[in-house]
């Protein structure tokens, strides 16, 4: 995979992005990191990617837990080569040990931290350790709002100890702190941001594809992050959310497909009986296959986690912005995001099954119009240079 992109000369400071690109070699996770790296480099920063944590590492070949890291380092090298940053990464899979893959050893990594104008903790992927004390500006980028905020309100000290070490906190929960949002906001100020995308990487034509299904990529069951607040339980898992819309294929002009991970045979059969096409999400672990899948789709139909919806967090998906950048219309569950991003052409927010079906009918009636509108939304509201320029300005680096 080679991604075409033009970088200006480096005219600004060094910044480091922490993430899980090498440790969790999934298609969606890979694109999330690449959009940040390329977007910051396009702004003229000297950008480095680093993994320096004790997180579990999954082997790229089979996604099993691994303690042999050479394949992960090779995967990371390929992705960094794809965006012309092949000499700008460090992979230290076990903190406290002296083994580093990539362009720097342990001493060089410490110097990189010391000289960086900022380190971005993308997804909160890295726990802060004493050897990170030399970092002058640590930026937390929360891609999944609500859970942290409730844990803070519940007084979970391990989390506040971590967040206290950060200098600036950003969240994809664009509606946090507003009167219609019920997410508790205590102790910290959260600055709003959005998932960035490099639109040039996703271009496709505006005609309805031959495989004209609305699709999405999702994990079916993950209840470990369910949480209770003020006597109410808020769910992370998506299987129960989908139950509200399981009959949608029977009301849809276009076929609907889920690329899903973690689904059992009974749930898969139930979905298929209602007209859903089901494929394994693991078949899309390769980032190029992930991109091709989105570009071959007619658009995205997806639901959001219960936590995001009921508390009106304003969250928006970094996967959905890839669909938009490919000119593929998106129909997604309302989380409050429509207060900030226009809907009704190219992007639709729904709360009921009838609203979802109406959105599919509207897109099918004039596909090229909604395809173009999706692309315009991606450029206007999610282009990496726009999103990251605002972020860097708020940090004080632009």
Protein backbone atom coordinates (compact mmCIF):
# COMPACT_ATOMS: atom_id res chain seq x y z
CA UNK A 1 0.00 0.00 0.00
CA UNK A 2 1.33 3.41 -1.00
CA UNK A 3 -0.61 6.54 -0.08
CA UNK A 4 -0.03 9.64 -2.17
CA UNK A 5 0.43 12.78 -0.12
CA UNK A 6 2.43 15.99 -0.50
CA UNK A 7 4.26 17.32 2.54
CA UNK A 8 5.65 20.83 2.88
CA UNK A 9 9.14 21.39 4.32
CA UNK A 10 9.40 20.92 8.09
CA UNK A 11 9.07 24.42 9.54
CA UNK A 12 7.59 23.67 12.96
CA UNK A 13 8.48 21.81 16.14
CA UNK A 14 8.75 18.08 16.77
CA UNK A 15 5.55 16.34 17.89
CA UNK A 16 5.04 12.70 18.89
CA UNK A 17 1.87 10.63 18.48
CA UNK A 18 1.29 7.65 20.76
CA UNK A 19 -1.13 5.01 19.53
CA UNK A 20 -1.75 1.29 19.00
CA UNK A 21 -0.90 0.92 15.31
CA UNK A 22 1.70 -1.81 15.80
CA UNK A 23 0.17 -3.53 18.84
CA UNK A 24 -3.39 -3.75 17.48
CA UNK A 25 -2.92 -4.20 13.71
CA UNK A 26 -6.56 -3.76 12.71
CA UNK A 27 -7.64 -1.85 9.61
CA UNK A 28 -9.65 0.82 11.41
CA UNK A 29 -7.04 1.36 14.12
CA UNK A 30 -4.34 1.75 11.48
CA UNK A 31 -6.24 4.41 9.53
CA UNK A 32 -7.01 6.34 12.70
CA UNK A 33 -3.31 6.74 13.48
CA UNK A 34 -2.24 7.43 9.87
CA UNK A 35 -4.71 10.32 9.58
CA UNK A 36 -3.19 12.02 12.63
CA UNK A 37 0.38 11.49 11.50
CA UNK A 38 -0.11 12.70 7.93
CA UNK A 39 -2.33 15.58 8.98
CA UNK A 40 0.23 16.90 11.45
CA UNK A 41 3.05 16.45 8.93
CA UNK A 42 1.04 18.41 6.34
CA UNK A 43 0.97 21.30 8.82
CA UNK A 44 4.77 21.41 8.75
CA UNK A 45 5.51 19.62 12.03
CA UNK A 46 8.32 17.09 12.44
CA UNK A 47 6.09 14.13 13.28
CA UNK A 48 7.13 10.92 15.04
CA UNK A 49 5.05 7.87 15.85
CA UNK A 50 5.86 5.98 19.07
CA UNK A 51 4.47 2.96 20.92
CA UNK A 52 5.96 2.79 24.40
CA UNK A 53 3.61 0.86 26.65
CA UNK A 54 2.92 -2.47 28.29
CA UNK A 55 -0.24 -3.06 26.28
CA UNK A 56 -0.86 -6.60 24.97
CA UNK A 57 0.45 -7.12 21.44
CA UNK A 58 -1.53 -8.98 18.77
CA UNK A 59 0.27 -10.80 15.96
CA UNK A 60 -0.65 -9.27 12.56
CA UNK A 61 -0.96 -12.68 10.90
CA UNK A 62 -3.56 -14.22 13.21
CA UNK A 63 -4.47 -11.49 15.78
CA UNK A 64 -3.46 -13.76 18.64
CA UNK A 65 -1.59 -12.44 21.65
CA UNK A 66 2.14 -12.51 20.99
CA UNK A 67 5.41 -11.96 22.81
CA UNK A 68 7.45 -12.08 19.60
CA UNK A 69 7.35 -8.56 18.20
CA UNK A 70 9.27 -8.72 14.92
CA UNK A 71 6.10 -9.13 12.81
CA UNK A 72 4.50 -6.15 14.55
CA UNK A 73 7.57 -4.03 13.89
CA UNK A 74 7.48 -5.09 10.23
CA UNK A 75 3.78 -4.20 10.02
CA UNK A 76 4.50 -0.82 11.56
CA UNK A 77 7.35 -0.22 9.12
CA UNK A 78 5.05 -0.93 6.16
CA UNK A 79 2.40 1.51 7.34
CA UNK A 80 4.93 4.25 8.03
CA UNK A 81 6.56 3.68 4.63
CA UNK A 82 3.12 4.06 3.05
CA UNK A 83 2.92 7.68 4.27
CA UNK A 84 6.60 8.53 3.68
CA UNK A 85 7.46 8.56 7.39
CA UNK A 86 9.37 5.28 7.35
CA UNK A 87 12.27 6.68 9.37
CA UNK A 88 10.08 8.41 11.98
CA UNK A 89 8.88 5.68 14.32
CA UNK A 90 9.88 3.82 17.49
CA UNK A 91 8.27 0.65 18.88
CA UNK A 92 9.11 -0.23 22.49
CA UNK A 93 6.65 -3.01 23.33
CA UNK A 94 7.74 -3.50 26.94
CA UNK A 95 8.39 -0.47 29.09
CA UNK A 96 11.35 -0.75 31.41
CA UNK A 97 13.28 -2.85 28.89
CA UNK A 98 16.01 -1.66 26.54
CA UNK A 99 14.68 -3.11 23.29
CA UNK A 100 13.42 -0.59 20.75
CA UNK A 101 12.50 -1.22 17.12
CA UNK A 102 12.67 1.56 14.59
CA UNK A 103 14.76 4.71 14.34
CA UNK A 104 15.89 5.23 17.95
CA UNK A 105 17.17 3.30 20.93
CA UNK A 106 16.07 3.90 24.52
CA UNK A 107 18.39 6.88 24.96
CA UNK A 108 17.27 8.35 21.65
CA UNK A 109 13.63 7.88 22.64
CA UNK A 110 14.20 9.73 25.91
CA UNK A 111 15.79 12.59 23.99
CA UNK A 112 12.87 12.62 21.57
CA UNK A 113 10.45 13.08 24.46
CA UNK A 114 12.64 15.79 25.96
CA UNK A 115 12.78 17.77 22.71
CA UNK A 116 9.18 17.33 21.58
CA UNK A 117 6.84 20.31 21.75
CA UNK A 118 3.96 17.92 22.47
CA UNK A 119 3.14 14.23 22.82
CA UNK A 120 -0.38 13.15 21.79
CA UNK A 121 -1.82 10.26 23.77
CA UNK A 122 -4.26 9.07 21.11
CA UNK A 123 -7.16 7.03 22.57
CA UNK A 124 -5.46 7.33 25.96
CA UNK A 125 -3.48 4.35 24.69
CA UNK A 126 -0.46 4.92 26.95
CA UNK A 127 -0.25 4.96 30.73
CA UNK A 128 2.03 7.70 31.97
CA UNK A 129 5.15 6.51 33.78
CA UNK A 130 7.90 8.33 35.71
CA UNK A 131 10.21 8.14 32.67
CA UNK A 132 7.69 10.34 30.82
CA UNK A 133 8.29 13.25 33.21
CA UNK A 134 10.51 15.06 30.70
CA UNK A 135 7.59 15.55 28.29
CA UNK A 136 6.80 19.28 28.28
CA UNK A 137 3.23 19.08 26.93
CA UNK A 138 1.17 15.91 27.15
CA UNK A 139 -2.11 15.92 25.21
CA UNK A 140 -4.91 13.43 25.87
CA UNK A 141 -7.11 12.63 22.84
CA UNK A 142 -10.25 10.87 24.00
CA UNK A 143 -11.88 9.07 21.06
CA UNK A 144 -14.49 7.33 23.26
CA UNK A 145 -16.24 9.79 25.58
CA UNK A 146 -18.57 9.11 28.52
CA UNK A 147 -16.78 6.20 30.21
CA UNK A 148 -13.85 8.32 31.45
CA UNK A 149 -16.18 11.11 32.57
CA UNK A 150 -18.33 8.77 34.63
CA UNK A 151 -15.30 7.08 36.17
CA UNK A 152 -13.95 10.49 37.15
CA UNK A 153 -17.29 11.39 38.76
CA UNK A 154 -17.20 8.05 40.61
CA UNK A 155 -13.80 8.99 42.02
CA UNK A 156 -11.62 6.33 40.37
CA UNK A 157 -8.18 7.54 41.46
CA UNK A 158 -6.14 5.49 38.97
CA UNK A 159 -7.77 7.48 36.17
CA UNK A 160 -7.48 10.90 37.77
CA UNK A 161 -3.84 10.14 38.59
CA UNK A 162 -3.28 9.54 34.88
CA UNK A 163 -5.28 12.49 33.58
CA UNK A 164 -3.64 14.86 36.08
CA UNK A 165 -0.37 14.21 34.24
CA UNK A 166 -1.78 15.62 30.98
CA UNK A 167 -1.67 19.30 30.11
CA UNK A 168 -4.59 19.45 27.63
CA UNK A 169 -7.60 17.14 27.24
CA UNK A 170 -9.54 16.74 23.99
CA UNK A 171 -12.64 14.62 23.37
CA UNK A 172 -14.72 13.44 20.42
CA UNK A 173 -17.71 14.16 22.69
CA UNK A 174 -18.48 17.46 21.02
CA UNK A 175 -21.59 18.06 23.13
CA UNK A 176 -19.96 17.54 26.53
CA UNK A 177 -20.87 20.25 29.03
CA UNK A 178 -23.97 21.46 27.18
CA UNK A 179 -27.37 21.56 28.84
CA UNK A 180 -28.84 18.68 26.81
CA UNK A 181 -25.88 16.38 27.56
CA UNK A 182 -26.16 14.30 30.75
CA UNK A 183 -22.52 13.19 30.88
CA UNK A 184 -21.11 14.33 34.25
CA UNK A 185 -18.29 16.84 33.86
CA UNK A 186 -16.10 17.14 36.94
CA UNK A 187 -12.51 18.14 37.69
CA UNK A 188 -11.36 18.66 34.07
CA UNK A 189 -12.04 20.91 31.10
CA UNK A 190 -12.55 18.96 27.89
CA UNK A 191 -11.89 20.65 24.57
CA UNK A 192 -13.96 19.33 21.67
CA UNK A 193 -12.42 17.83 18.56
CA UNK A 194 -13.44 15.51 15.72
CA UNK A 195 -11.89 12.52 13.97
CA UNK A 196 -9.59 13.76 11.19
CA UNK A 197 -9.39 12.21 7.73
CA UNK A 198 -7.13 12.67 4.70
CA UNK A 199 -9.80 12.81 1.97
CA UNK A 200 -7.32 12.16 -0.87
CA UNK A 201 -6.77 8.62 0.40
CA UNK A 202 -10.44 7.64 0.09
CA UNK A 203 -11.53 9.01 -3.29
CA UNK A 204 -13.97 6.97 -5.37
CA UNK A 205 -16.58 7.73 -8.01
CA UNK A 206 -20.05 8.99 -7.16
CA UNK A 207 -22.02 6.24 -8.91
CA UNK A 208 -23.77 3.47 -7.02
CA UNK A 209 -21.28 0.57 -6.74
CA UNK A 210 -22.06 -2.84 -8.22
CA UNK A 211 -22.03 -4.30 -4.71
CA UNK A 212 -24.57 -1.74 -3.58
CA UNK A 213 -24.93 -2.63 0.07
CA UNK A 214 -24.97 -0.29 3.01
CA UNK A 215 -22.30 -1.68 5.34
CA UNK A 216 -20.48 -1.06 8.57
CA UNK A 217 -17.69 -2.66 10.62
CA UNK A 218 -18.41 -3.41 14.25
CA UNK A 219 -17.73 -5.48 17.37
CA UNK A 220 -20.84 -7.29 18.54
CA UNK A 221 -20.40 -7.85 22.28
CA UNK A 222 -18.09 -6.00 24.65
CA UNK A 223 -19.79 -5.62 28.02
CA UNK A 224 -16.64 -4.99 30.07
CA UNK A 225 -17.16 -1.23 29.69
CA UNK A 226 -20.82 -1.11 30.70
CA UNK A 227 -21.13 1.35 33.59
CA UNK A 228 -23.73 2.62 36.07
CA UNK A 229 -24.30 6.28 36.87
CA UNK A 230 -27.01 7.82 39.07
CA UNK A 231 -28.78 4.47 39.32
CA UNK A 232 -28.90 3.93 35.55
CA UNK A 233 -26.81 1.43 33.60
CA UNK A 234 -25.27 2.65 30.34
CA UNK A 235 -24.10 0.04 27.85
CA UNK A 236 -20.98 -0.19 25.70
CA UNK A 237 -22.03 -3.30 23.80
CA UNK A 238 -23.75 -3.04 20.42
CA UNK A 239 -25.70 -6.30 20.25
CA UNK A 240 -28.54 -4.93 22.35
CA UNK A 241 -28.56 -1.64 20.44
CA UNK A 242 -28.99 -3.46 17.14
CA UNK A 243 -32.08 -5.24 18.47
CA UNK A 244 -34.02 -1.97 18.06
CA UNK A 245 -33.26 -1.97 14.32
CA UNK A 246 -33.06 -5.67 13.51
CA UNK A 247 -36.08 -5.50 11.16
CA UNK A 248 -34.62 -2.65 9.08
CA UNK A 249 -33.66 -4.81 6.03
CA UNK A 250 -37.36 -5.57 5.56
CA UNK A 251 -38.01 -1.81 5.15
CA UNK A 252 -34.92 -0.96 3.10
CA UNK A 253 -34.61 -0.47 -0.67
CA UNK A 254 -30.92 -1.40 -0.46
CA UNK A 255 -29.30 -4.48 1.12
CA UNK A 256 -27.64 -4.11 4.54
CA UNK A 257 -24.44 -5.85 5.62
CA UNK A 258 -22.46 -6.08 8.86
CA UNK A 259 -18.77 -6.89 9.01
CA UNK A 260 -18.80 -8.05 12.61
CA UNK A 261 -16.40 -9.39 15.22
CA UNK A 262 -17.36 -11.36 18.31
CA UNK A 263 -20.79 -12.60 17.20
CA UNK A 264 -22.05 -16.06 18.14
CA UNK A 265 -23.83 -18.43 15.75
CA UNK A 266 -27.28 -17.85 17.26
CA UNK A 267 -27.09 -14.06 16.93
CA UNK A 268 -25.67 -14.37 13.41
CA UNK A 269 -28.53 -16.64 12.36
CA UNK A 270 -31.10 -14.27 13.90
CA UNK A 271 -29.71 -11.33 11.94
CA UNK A 272 -29.64 -13.31 8.70
CA UNK A 273 -33.26 -14.35 9.19
CA UNK A 274 -34.16 -10.66 9.30
CA UNK A 275 -32.32 -10.02 6.03
CA UNK A 276 -28.86 -8.88 7.16
CA UNK A 277 -25.76 -10.00 5.26
CA UNK A 278 -23.00 -10.97 7.71
CA UNK A 279 -19.26 -11.23 7.04
CA UNK A 280 -16.35 -11.58 9.51
CA UNK A 281 -14.72 -8.28 10.41
CA UNK A 282 -11.35 -10.03 10.70
CA UNK A 283 -11.32 -10.34 6.92
CA UNK A 284 -10.83 -6.54 6.91
CA UNK A 285 -7.85 -6.42 9.30
CA UNK A 286 -5.54 -5.46 6.46
CA UNK A 287 -5.87 -1.66 6.07
CA UNK A 288 -6.04 -1.82 2.28
CA UNK A 289 -8.88 -4.35 2.40
CA UNK A 290 -10.62 -2.16 4.98
CA UNK A 291 -10.40 0.84 2.64
CA UNK A 292 -11.53 -1.16 -0.38
CA UNK A 293 -14.54 -2.46 1.56
CA UNK A 294 -15.67 1.07 2.38
CA UNK A 295 -15.15 2.29 -1.17
CA UNK A 296 -17.11 -0.66 -2.60
CA UNK A 297 -20.03 0.02 -0.28
CA UNK A 298 -23.03 2.17 -1.20
CA UNK A 299 -22.72 3.89 2.16
CA UNK A 300 -22.77 3.20 5.86
CA UNK A 301 -25.67 2.30 8.10
CA UNK A 302 -24.52 2.05 11.70
CA UNK A 303 -25.67 2.43 15.27
CA UNK A 304 -23.80 4.05 18.16
CA UNK A 305 -23.10 2.76 21.63
CA UNK A 306 -25.90 3.26 24.14
CA UNK A 307 -23.61 5.43 26.30
CA UNK A 308 -23.11 7.90 23.47
CA UNK A 309 -26.77 8.00 22.46
CA UNK A 310 -28.74 8.32 25.70
CA UNK A 311 -26.35 10.84 27.25
CA UNK A 312 -26.15 12.89 24.00
CA UNK A 313 -22.38 13.06 24.00
CA UNK A 314 -22.06 14.46 20.47
CA UNK A 315 -19.68 11.65 19.50
CA UNK A 316 -18.97 10.87 15.84
CA UNK A 317 -17.16 7.84 14.44
CA UNK A 318 -13.71 7.95 12.81
CA UNK A 319 -14.90 5.05 10.64
CA UNK A 320 -17.87 7.08 9.41
CA UNK A 321 -15.60 9.93 8.31
CA UNK A 322 -13.81 7.44 6.04
CA UNK A 323 -17.13 6.59 4.38
CA UNK A 324 -17.86 10.31 3.91
CA UNK A 325 -14.39 10.93 2.44
CA UNK A 326 -15.03 8.11 -0.04
CA UNK A 327 -18.22 9.87 -1.14
CA UNK A 328 -20.32 7.21 0.57
CA UNK A 329 -23.37 8.59 2.42
CA UNK A 330 -23.66 7.79 6.13
CA UNK A 331 -26.78 6.98 8.15
CA UNK A 332 -25.85 6.90 11.82
CA UNK A 333 -27.63 7.00 15.14
CA UNK A 334 -28.10 10.44 16.69
CA UNK A 335 -25.77 11.22 19.60
CA UNK A 336 -26.22 15.00 19.50
CA UNK A 337 -23.65 15.40 16.71
CA UNK A 338 -26.21 16.99 14.38
CA UNK A 339 -25.93 20.20 16.42
CA UNK A 340 -22.44 20.63 14.98
CA UNK A 341 -22.41 18.83 11.60
CA UNK A 342 -25.14 19.33 8.97
CA UNK A 343 -27.46 16.42 8.22
CA UNK A 344 -30.09 15.70 5.59
CA UNK A 345 -27.81 15.41 2.57
CA UNK A 346 -24.95 12.92 2.51
CA UNK A 347 -25.20 12.42 6.28
CA UNK A 348 -28.34 11.41 8.17
CA UNK A 349 -28.98 11.13 11.92
CA UNK A 350 -31.73 8.77 13.05
CA UNK A 351 -33.37 7.72 16.30
CA UNK A 352 -36.08 5.35 15.05
CA UNK A 353 -36.26 2.54 12.51
CA UNK A 354 -38.66 4.61 10.38
CA UNK A 355 -36.16 7.49 10.24
CA UNK A 356 -33.41 5.07 9.18
CA UNK A 357 -35.57 3.56 6.43
CA UNK A 358 -36.57 7.03 5.19
CA UNK A 359 -32.88 8.00 4.99
CA UNK A 360 -32.10 4.94 2.86
CA UNK A 361 -35.02 5.78 0.53
CA UNK A 362 -33.85 9.39 0.24
CA UNK A 363 -30.30 8.37 -0.70
CA UNK A 364 -31.48 5.72 -3.17
CA UNK A 365 -33.66 8.30 -4.95
CA UNK A 366 -30.68 10.54 -5.82
CA UNK A 367 -27.47 8.68 -5.03
CA UNK A 368 -25.02 10.94 -6.90
CA UNK A 369 -26.30 14.03 -5.07
CA UNK A 370 -25.87 12.45 -1.66
CA UNK A 371 -22.50 11.00 -2.61
CA UNK A 372 -21.25 14.47 -3.49
CA UNK A 373 -22.73 15.91 -0.29
CA UNK A 374 -20.94 13.26 1.76
CA UNK A 375 -17.64 14.22 0.17
CA UNK A 376 -18.25 17.92 0.83
CA UNK A 377 -18.98 17.22 4.52
CA UNK A 378 -15.73 15.27 4.81
CA UNK A 379 -13.73 18.17 3.38
CA UNK A 380 -15.52 20.91 5.31
CA UNK A 381 -15.84 19.31 8.76
CA UNK A 382 -13.29 16.48 9.02
CA UNK A 383 -10.33 17.28 6.77
CA UNK A 384 -7.23 16.50 8.84
CA UNK A 385 -5.62 19.88 8.22
CA UNK A 386 -8.74 21.74 9.41
CA UNK A 387 -9.30 19.53 12.46
CA UNK A 388 -5.66 19.41 13.53
CA UNK A 389 -5.01 23.10 12.84
CA UNK A 390 -7.73 23.93 15.36
CA UNK A 391 -6.30 21.47 17.85
CA UNK A 392 -2.73 22.79 17.50
CA UNK A 393 -3.99 26.36 17.81
CA UNK A 394 -5.74 25.51 21.09
CA UNK A 395 -2.56 23.92 22.40
CA UNK A 396 -0.58 27.02 21.38
CA UNK A 397 1.57 25.43 18.68
CA UNK A 398 0.07 27.33 15.73
